[in-house]
């Protein structure tokens, strides 16, 4: 039986190889899908923090947070 570190390395290598085989257009779509998913999660958090906010207010807060993130740059 493989040790845990060897198994982790094997899984990581397979993920890298799979990513290299992925066509560029599929990678681009995956990025857009991840962004949409992150926005959905953020909207849920905003609704939790501001339960009386309507959809327009939630979208405005989301836009503010995205703008702030753009100004701060990537971590």
PDB file of N, CA and C in Angstrom:
ATOM      1  N   UNK A   1       0.847  -1.186   0.000  1.00  0.00           N
ATOM      2  CA  UNK A   1       0.000   0.000   0.000  1.00  0.00           C
ATOM      3  C   UNK A   1       0.888   1.244   0.000  1.00  0.00           C
ATOM      4  N   UNK A   2       0.495   2.201  -0.833  1.00  0.00           N
ATOM      5  CA  UNK A   2       1.269   3.438  -0.924  1.00  0.00           C
ATOM      6  C   UNK A   2       1.126   4.251   0.356  1.00  0.00           C
ATOM      7  N   UNK A   3       2.181   4.992   0.644  1.00  0.00           N
ATOM      8  CA  UNK A   3       2.076   5.887   1.786  1.00  0.00           C
ATOM      9  C   UNK A   3       1.238   7.098   1.381  1.00  0.00           C
ATOM     10  N   UNK A   4       0.745   7.785   2.367  1.00  0.00           N
ATOM     11  CA  UNK A   4      -0.108   8.955   2.109  1.00  0.00           C
ATOM     12  C   UNK A   4       0.624  10.014   1.280  1.00  0.00           C
ATOM     13  N   UNK A   5       1.871  10.398   1.607  1.00  0.00           N
ATOM     14  CA  UNK A   5       2.555  11.402   0.771  1.00  0.00           C
ATOM     15  C   UNK A   5       2.706  10.959  -0.684  1.00  0.00           C
ATOM     16  N   UNK A   6       2.974   9.668  -0.923  1.00  0.00           N
ATOM     17  CA  UNK A   6       3.094   9.183  -2.297  1.00  0.00           C
ATOM     18  C   UNK A   6       1.749   9.249  -3.011  1.00  0.00           C
ATOM     19  N   UNK A   7       0.697   8.934  -2.318  1.00  0.00           N
ATOM     20  CA  UNK A   7      -0.644   9.008  -2.898  1.00  0.00           C
ATOM     21  C   UNK A   7      -1.004  10.452  -3.231  1.00  0.00           C
ATOM     22  N   UNK A   8      -0.690  11.360  -2.341  1.00  0.00           N
ATOM     23  CA  UNK A   8      -0.952  12.787  -2.588  1.00  0.00           C
ATOM     24  C   UNK A   8      -0.188  13.249  -3.815  1.00  0.00           C
ATOM     25  N   UNK A   9       1.091  12.852  -3.924  1.00  0.00           N
ATOM     26  CA  UNK A   9       1.904  13.228  -5.092  1.00  0.00           C
ATOM     27  C   UNK A   9       1.322  12.662  -6.382  1.00  0.00           C
ATOM     28  N   UNK A  10       0.866  11.418  -6.347  1.00  0.00           N
ATOM     29  CA  UNK A  10       0.289  10.792  -7.537  1.00  0.00           C
ATOM     30  C   UNK A  10      -0.988  11.517  -7.964  1.00  0.00           C
ATOM     31  N   UNK A  11      -1.830  11.870  -7.021  1.00  0.00           N
ATOM     32  CA  UNK A  11      -3.069  12.600  -7.336  1.00  0.00           C
ATOM     33  C   UNK A  11      -2.732  13.966  -7.911  1.00  0.00           C
ATOM     34  N   UNK A  12      -1.764  14.654  -7.325  1.00  0.00           N
ATOM     35  CA  UNK A  12      -1.360  15.973  -7.809  1.00  0.00           C
ATOM     36  C   UNK A  12      -0.837  15.880  -9.248  1.00  0.00           C
ATOM     37  N   UNK A  13       0.029  14.877  -9.508  1.00  0.00           N
ATOM     38  CA  UNK A  13       0.567  14.700 -10.861  1.00  0.00           C
ATOM     39  C   UNK A  13      -0.555  14.464 -11.868  1.00  0.00           C
ATOM     40  N   UNK A  14      -1.524  13.636 -11.501  1.00  0.00           N
ATOM     41  CA  UNK A  14      -2.635  13.362 -12.406  1.00  0.00           C
ATOM     42  C   UNK A  14      -3.441  14.628 -12.679  1.00  0.00           C
ATOM     43  N   UNK A  15      -3.650  15.445 -11.667  1.00  0.00           N
ATOM     44  CA  UNK A  15      -4.392  16.701 -11.870  1.00  0.00           C
ATOM     45  C   UNK A  15      -3.638  17.629 -12.815  1.00  0.00           C
ATOM     46  N   UNK A  16      -2.319  17.690 -12.676  1.00  0.00           N
ATOM     47  CA  UNK A  16      -1.497  18.534 -13.561  1.00  0.00           C
ATOM     48  C   UNK A  16      -1.580  18.026 -14.996  1.00  0.00           C
ATOM     49  N   UNK A  17      -1.430  16.728 -15.180  1.00  0.00           N
ATOM     50  CA  UNK A  17      -1.503  16.157 -16.528  1.00  0.00           C
ATOM     51  C   UNK A  17      -2.868  16.385 -17.169  1.00  0.00           C
ATOM     52  N   UNK A  18      -3.930  16.236 -16.367  1.00  0.00           N
ATOM     53  CA  UNK A  18      -5.290  16.478 -16.879  1.00  0.00           C
ATOM     54  C   UNK A  18      -5.454  17.943 -17.271  1.00  0.00           C
ATOM     55  N   UNK A  19      -4.926  18.840 -16.461  1.00  0.00           N
ATOM     56  CA  UNK A  19      -5.020  20.273 -16.776  1.00  0.00           C
ATOM     57  C   UNK A  19      -4.282  20.598 -18.061  1.00  0.00           C
ATOM     58  N   UNK A  20      -3.146  19.967 -18.275  1.00  0.00           N
ATOM     59  CA  UNK A  20      -2.375  20.205 -19.503  1.00  0.00           C
ATOM     60  C   UNK A  20      -3.109  19.700 -20.731  1.00  0.00           C
ATOM     61  N   UNK A  21      -3.916  18.661 -20.579  1.00  0.00           N
ATOM     62  CA  UNK A  21      -4.682  18.119 -21.713  1.00  0.00           C
ATOM     63  C   UNK A  21      -5.956  18.916 -21.996  1.00  0.00           C
ATOM     64  N   UNK A  22      -6.369  19.739 -21.063  1.00  0.00           N
ATOM     65  CA  UNK A  22      -7.619  20.488 -21.213  1.00  0.00           C
ATOM     66  C   UNK A  22      -7.452  21.576 -22.272  1.00  0.00           C
ATOM     67  N   UNK A  23      -8.354  21.631 -23.243  1.00  0.00           N
ATOM     68  CA  UNK A  23      -8.270  22.665 -24.281  1.00  0.00           C
ATOM     69  C   UNK A  23      -8.410  24.072 -23.685  1.00  0.00           C
ATOM     70  N   UNK A  24      -7.744  25.053 -24.286  1.00  0.00           N
ATOM     71  CA  UNK A  24      -7.789  26.426 -23.753  1.00  0.00           C
ATOM     72  C   UNK A  24      -9.204  26.981 -23.600  1.00  0.00           C
ATOM     73  N   UNK A  25     -10.083  26.697 -24.558  1.00  0.00           N
ATOM     74  CA  UNK A  25     -11.450  27.237 -24.470  1.00  0.00           C
ATOM     75  C   UNK A  25     -12.194  26.646 -23.271  1.00  0.00           C
ATOM     76  N   UNK A  26     -11.902  25.391 -22.947  1.00  0.00           N
ATOM     77  CA  UNK A  26     -12.534  24.772 -21.780  1.00  0.00           C
ATOM     78  C   UNK A  26     -11.988  25.396 -20.489  1.00  0.00           C
ATOM     79  N   UNK A  27     -10.701  25.719 -20.478  1.00  0.00           N
ATOM     80  CA  UNK A  27     -10.108  26.389 -19.313  1.00  0.00           C
ATOM     81  C   UNK A  27     -10.735  27.772 -19.118  1.00  0.00           C
ATOM     82  N   UNK A  28     -10.954  28.476 -20.225  1.00  0.00           N
ATOM     83  CA  UNK A  28     -11.569  29.800 -20.152  1.00  0.00           C
ATOM     84  C   UNK A  28     -12.987  29.709 -19.606  1.00  0.00           C
ATOM     85  N   UNK A  29     -13.746  28.725 -20.079  1.00  0.00           N
ATOM     86  CA  UNK A  29     -15.116  28.542 -19.580  1.00  0.00           C
ATOM     87  C   UNK A  29     -15.114  28.169 -18.102  1.00  0.00           C
ATOM     88  N   UNK A  30     -14.157  27.357 -17.683  1.00  0.00           N
ATOM     89  CA  UNK A  30     -14.071  26.966 -16.274  1.00  0.00           C
ATOM     90  C   UNK A  30     -13.824  28.195 -15.404  1.00  0.00           C
ATOM     91  N   UNK A  31     -13.000  29.117 -15.885  1.00  0.00           N
ATOM     92  CA  UNK A  31     -12.748  30.345 -15.132  1.00  0.00           C
ATOM     93  C   UNK A  31     -14.022  31.162 -14.967  1.00  0.00           C
ATOM     94  N   UNK A  32     -14.788  31.282 -16.038  1.00  0.00           N
ATOM     95  CA  UNK A  32     -16.049  32.026 -15.980  1.00  0.00           C
ATOM     96  C   UNK A  32     -17.037  31.343 -15.028  1.00  0.00           C
ATOM     97  N   UNK A  33     -17.081  30.008 -15.088  1.00  0.00           N
ATOM     98  CA  UNK A  33     -17.988  29.269 -14.202  1.00  0.00           C
ATOM     99  C   UNK A  33     -17.587  29.442 -12.737  1.00  0.00           C
ATOM    100  N   UNK A  34     -16.290  29.420 -12.455  1.00  0.00           N
ATOM    101  CA  UNK A  34     -15.822  29.629 -11.086  1.00  0.00           C
ATOM    102  C   UNK A  34     -16.165  31.024 -10.593  1.00  0.00           C
ATOM    103  N   UNK A  35     -16.031  32.031 -11.476  1.00  0.00           N
ATOM    104  CA  UNK A  35     -16.381  33.390 -11.097  1.00  0.00           C
ATOM    105  C   UNK A  35     -17.873  33.486 -10.771  1.00  0.00           C
ATOM    106  N   UNK A  36     -18.710  32.896 -11.618  1.00  0.00           N
ATOM    107  CA  UNK A  36     -20.158  32.904 -11.367  1.00  0.00           C
ATOM    108  C   UNK A  36     -20.491  32.218 -10.046  1.00  0.00           C
ATOM    109  N   UNK A  37     -19.830  31.092  -9.789  1.00  0.00           N
ATOM    110  CA  UNK A  37     -20.040  30.358  -8.533  1.00  0.00           C
ATOM    111  C   UNK A  37     -19.638  31.209  -7.333  1.00  0.00           C
ATOM    112  N   UNK A  38     -18.485  31.873  -7.438  1.00  0.00           N
ATOM    113  CA  UNK A  38     -18.026  32.737  -6.345  1.00  0.00           C
ATOM    114  C   UNK A  38     -19.005  33.891  -6.124  1.00  0.00           C
ATOM    115  N   UNK A  39     -19.545  34.442  -7.201  1.00  0.00           N
ATOM    116  CA  UNK A  39     -20.527  35.525  -7.068  1.00  0.00           C
ATOM    117  C   UNK A  39     -21.798  35.019  -6.383  1.00  0.00           C
ATOM    118  N   UNK A  40     -22.238  33.821  -6.724  1.00  0.00           N
ATOM    119  CA  UNK A  40     -23.427  33.251  -6.080  1.00  0.00           C
ATOM    120  C   UNK A  40     -23.208  33.074  -4.577  1.00  0.00           C
ATOM    121  N   UNK A  41     -22.031  32.584  -4.205  1.00  0.00           N
ATOM    122  CA  UNK A  41     -21.723  32.415  -2.783  1.00  0.00           C
ATOM    123  C   UNK A  41     -21.681  33.774  -2.091  1.00  0.00           C
ATOM    124  N   UNK A  42     -21.075  34.760  -2.743  1.00  0.00           N
ATOM    125  CA  UNK A  42     -20.996  36.102  -2.163  1.00  0.00           C
ATOM    126  C   UNK A  42     -22.379  36.709  -2.023  1.00  0.00           C
ATOM    127  N   UNK A  43     -23.234  36.511  -3.019  1.00  0.00           N
ATOM    128  CA  UNK A  43     -24.616  37.010  -2.923  1.00  0.00           C
ATOM    129  C   UNK A  43     -25.327  36.405  -1.712  1.00  0.00           C
ATOM    130  N   UNK A  44     -25.112  35.124  -1.492  1.00  0.00           N
ATOM    131  CA  UNK A  44     -25.736  34.462  -0.329  1.00  0.00           C
ATOM    132  C   UNK A  44     -25.249  35.099   0.966  1.00  0.00           C
ATOM    133  N   UNK A  45     -23.956  35.381   1.040  1.00  0.00           N
ATOM    134  CA  UNK A  45     -23.408  36.042   2.221  1.00  0.00           C
ATOM    135  C   UNK A  45     -23.970  37.434   2.407  1.00  0.00           C
ATOM    136  N   UNK A  46     -24.125  38.154   1.310  1.00  0.00           N
ATOM    137  CA  UNK A  46     -24.693  39.507   1.370  1.00  0.00           C
ATOM    138  C   UNK A  46     -26.133  39.447   1.870  1.00  0.00           C
ATOM    139  N   UNK A  47     -26.894  38.496   1.343  1.00  0.00           N
ATOM    140  CA  UNK A  47     -28.292  38.348   1.794  1.00  0.00           C
ATOM    141  C   UNK A  47     -28.360  37.987   3.276  1.00  0.00           C
ATOM    142  N   UNK A  48     -27.396  37.220   3.735  1.00  0.00           N
ATOM    143  CA  UNK A  48     -27.345  36.863   5.147  1.00  0.00           C
ATOM    144  C   UNK A  48     -27.027  38.096   6.006  1.00  0.00           C
ATOM    145  N   UNK A  49     -26.104  38.923   5.518  1.00  0.00           N
ATOM    146  CA  UNK A  49     -25.718  40.133   6.256  1.00  0.00           C
ATOM    147  C   UNK A  49     -26.766  41.237   6.143  1.00  0.00           C
ATOM    148  N   UNK A  50     -27.496  41.262   5.038  1.00  0.00           N
ATOM    149  CA  UNK A  50     -28.484  42.316   4.776  1.00  0.00           C
ATOM    150  C   UNK A  50     -29.812  41.671   4.379  1.00  0.00           C
ATOM    151  N   UNK A  51     -30.521  41.080   5.336  1.00  0.00           N
ATOM    152  CA  UNK A  51     -31.735  40.319   5.000  1.00  0.00           C
ATOM    153  C   UNK A  51     -32.846  41.145   4.360  1.00  0.00           C
ATOM    154  N   UNK A  52     -32.829  42.445   4.546  1.00  0.00           N
ATOM    155  CA  UNK A  52     -33.890  43.285   3.968  1.00  0.00           C
ATOM    156  C   UNK A  52     -33.519  43.833   2.593  1.00  0.00           C
ATOM    157  N   UNK A  53     -32.323  43.535   2.113  1.00  0.00           N
ATOM    158  CA  UNK A  53     -31.882  44.045   0.812  1.00  0.00           C
ATOM    159  C   UNK A  53     -32.637  43.346  -0.315  1.00  0.00           C
ATOM    160  N   UNK A  54     -33.067  44.141  -1.298  1.00  0.00           N
ATOM    161  CA  UNK A  54     -33.694  43.538  -2.478  1.00  0.00           C
ATOM    162  C   UNK A  54     -32.596  43.128  -3.461  1.00  0.00           C
ATOM    163  N   UNK A  55     -32.997  42.528  -4.580  1.00  0.00           N
ATOM    164  CA  UNK A  55     -32.017  42.025  -5.543  1.00  0.00           C
ATOM    165  C   UNK A  55     -31.093  43.130  -6.062  1.00  0.00           C
ATOM    166  N   UNK A  56     -31.637  44.297  -6.330  1.00  0.00           N
ATOM    167  CA  UNK A  56     -30.823  45.405  -6.840  1.00  0.00           C
ATOM    168  C   UNK A  56     -29.782  45.831  -5.810  1.00  0.00           C
ATOM    169  N   UNK A  57     -30.167  45.876  -4.549  1.00  0.00           N
ATOM    170  CA  UNK A  57     -29.218  46.243  -3.493  1.00  0.00           C
ATOM    171  C   UNK A  57     -28.131  45.182  -3.332  1.00  0.00           C
ATOM    172  N   UNK A  58     -28.528  43.925  -3.427  1.00  0.00           N
ATOM    173  CA  UNK A  58     -27.549  42.837  -3.329  1.00  0.00           C
ATOM    174  C   UNK A  58     -26.541  42.955  -4.469  1.00  0.00           C
ATOM    175  N   UNK A  59     -27.017  43.213  -5.673  1.00  0.00           N
ATOM    176  CA  UNK A  59     -26.116  43.357  -6.821  1.00  0.00           C
ATOM    177  C   UNK A  59     -25.201  44.575  -6.664  1.00  0.00           C
ATOM    178  N   UNK A  60     -25.722  45.653  -6.100  1.00  0.00           N
ATOM    179  CA  UNK A  60     -24.899  46.848  -5.877  1.00  0.00           C
ATOM    180  C   UNK A  60     -23.791  46.558  -4.860  1.00  0.00           C
ATOM    181  N   UNK A  61     -24.127  45.856  -3.799  1.00  0.00           N
ATOM    182  CA  UNK A  61     -23.122  45.499  -2.789  1.00  0.00           C
ATOM    183  C   UNK A  61     -22.089  44.558  -3.395  1.00  0.00           C
ATOM    184  N   UNK A  62     -22.545  43.600  -4.199  1.00  0.00           N
ATOM    185  CA  UNK A  62     -21.626  42.686  -4.874  1.00  0.00           C
ATOM    186  C   UNK A  62     -20.668  43.472  -5.772  1.00  0.00           C
ATOM    187  N   UNK A  63     -21.189  44.408  -6.532  1.00  0.00           N
ATOM    188  CA  UNK A  63     -20.343  45.225  -7.406  1.00  0.00           C
ATOM    189  C   UNK A  63     -19.320  46.019  -6.595  1.00  0.00           C
ATOM    190  N   UNK A  64     -19.739  46.543  -5.439  1.00  0.00           N
ATOM    191  CA  UNK A  64     -18.803  47.269  -4.571  1.00  0.00           C
ATOM    192  C   UNK A  64     -17.688  46.348  -4.092  1.00  0.00           C
ATOM    193  N   UNK A  65     -18.038  45.143  -3.721  1.00  0.00           N
ATOM    194  CA  UNK A  65     -17.037  44.194  -3.223  1.00  0.00           C
ATOM    195  C   UNK A  65     -16.067  43.775  -4.321  1.00  0.00           C
ATOM    196  N   UNK A  66     -16.586  43.591  -5.531  1.00  0.00           N
ATOM    197  CA  UNK A  66     -15.705  43.245  -6.657  1.00  0.00           C
ATOM    198  C   UNK A  66     -14.760  44.407  -6.948  1.00  0.00           C
ATOM    199  N   UNK A  67     -15.288  45.623  -6.938  1.00  0.00           N
ATOM    200  CA  UNK A  67     -14.451  46.804  -7.173  1.00  0.00           C
ATOM    201  C   UNK A  67     -13.373  46.934  -6.099  1.00  0.00           C
ATOM    202  N   UNK A  68     -13.740  46.685  -4.861  1.00  0.00           N
ATOM    203  CA  UNK A  68     -12.768  46.744  -3.770  1.00  0.00           C
ATOM    204  C   UNK A  68     -11.685  45.690  -3.966  1.00  0.00           C
ATOM    205  N   UNK A  69     -12.088  44.506  -4.345  1.00  0.00           N
ATOM    206  CA  UNK A  69     -11.128  43.432  -4.591  1.00  0.00           C
ATOM    207  C   UNK A  69     -10.177  43.808  -5.733  1.00  0.00           C
ATOM    208  N   UNK A  70     -10.720  44.437  -6.778  1.00  0.00           N
ATOM    209  CA  UNK A  70      -9.876  44.880  -7.894  1.00  0.00           C
ATOM    210  C   UNK A  70      -8.855  45.908  -7.437  1.00  0.00           C
ATOM    211  N   UNK A  71      -9.296  46.834  -6.581  1.00  0.00           N
ATOM    212  CA  UNK A  71      -8.374  47.871  -6.078  1.00  0.00           C
ATOM    213  C   UNK A  71      -7.291  47.294  -5.185  1.00  0.00           C
ATOM    214  N   UNK A  72      -7.654  46.290  -4.381  1.00  0.00           N
ATOM    215  CA  UNK A  72      -6.696  45.688  -3.463  1.00  0.00           C
ATOM    216  C   UNK A  72      -5.733  44.740  -4.166  1.00  0.00           C
ATOM    217  N   UNK A  73      -6.155  44.198  -5.291  1.00  0.00           N
ATOM    218  CA  UNK A  73      -5.320  43.251  -6.025  1.00  0.00           C
ATOM    219  C   UNK A  73      -5.451  41.855  -5.474  1.00  0.00           C
ATOM    220  N   UNK A  74      -4.852  40.922  -6.162  1.00  0.00           N
ATOM    221  CA  UNK A  74      -4.900  39.520  -5.747  1.00  0.00           C
ATOM    222  C   UNK A  74      -4.032  39.302  -4.521  1.00  0.00           C
ATOM    223  N   UNK A  75      -4.496  38.421  -3.622  1.00  0.00           N
ATOM    224  CA  UNK A  75      -3.705  38.121  -2.423  1.00  0.00           C
ATOM    225  C   UNK A  75      -2.459  37.332  -2.741  1.00  0.00           C
TER     226      UNK A  75
END
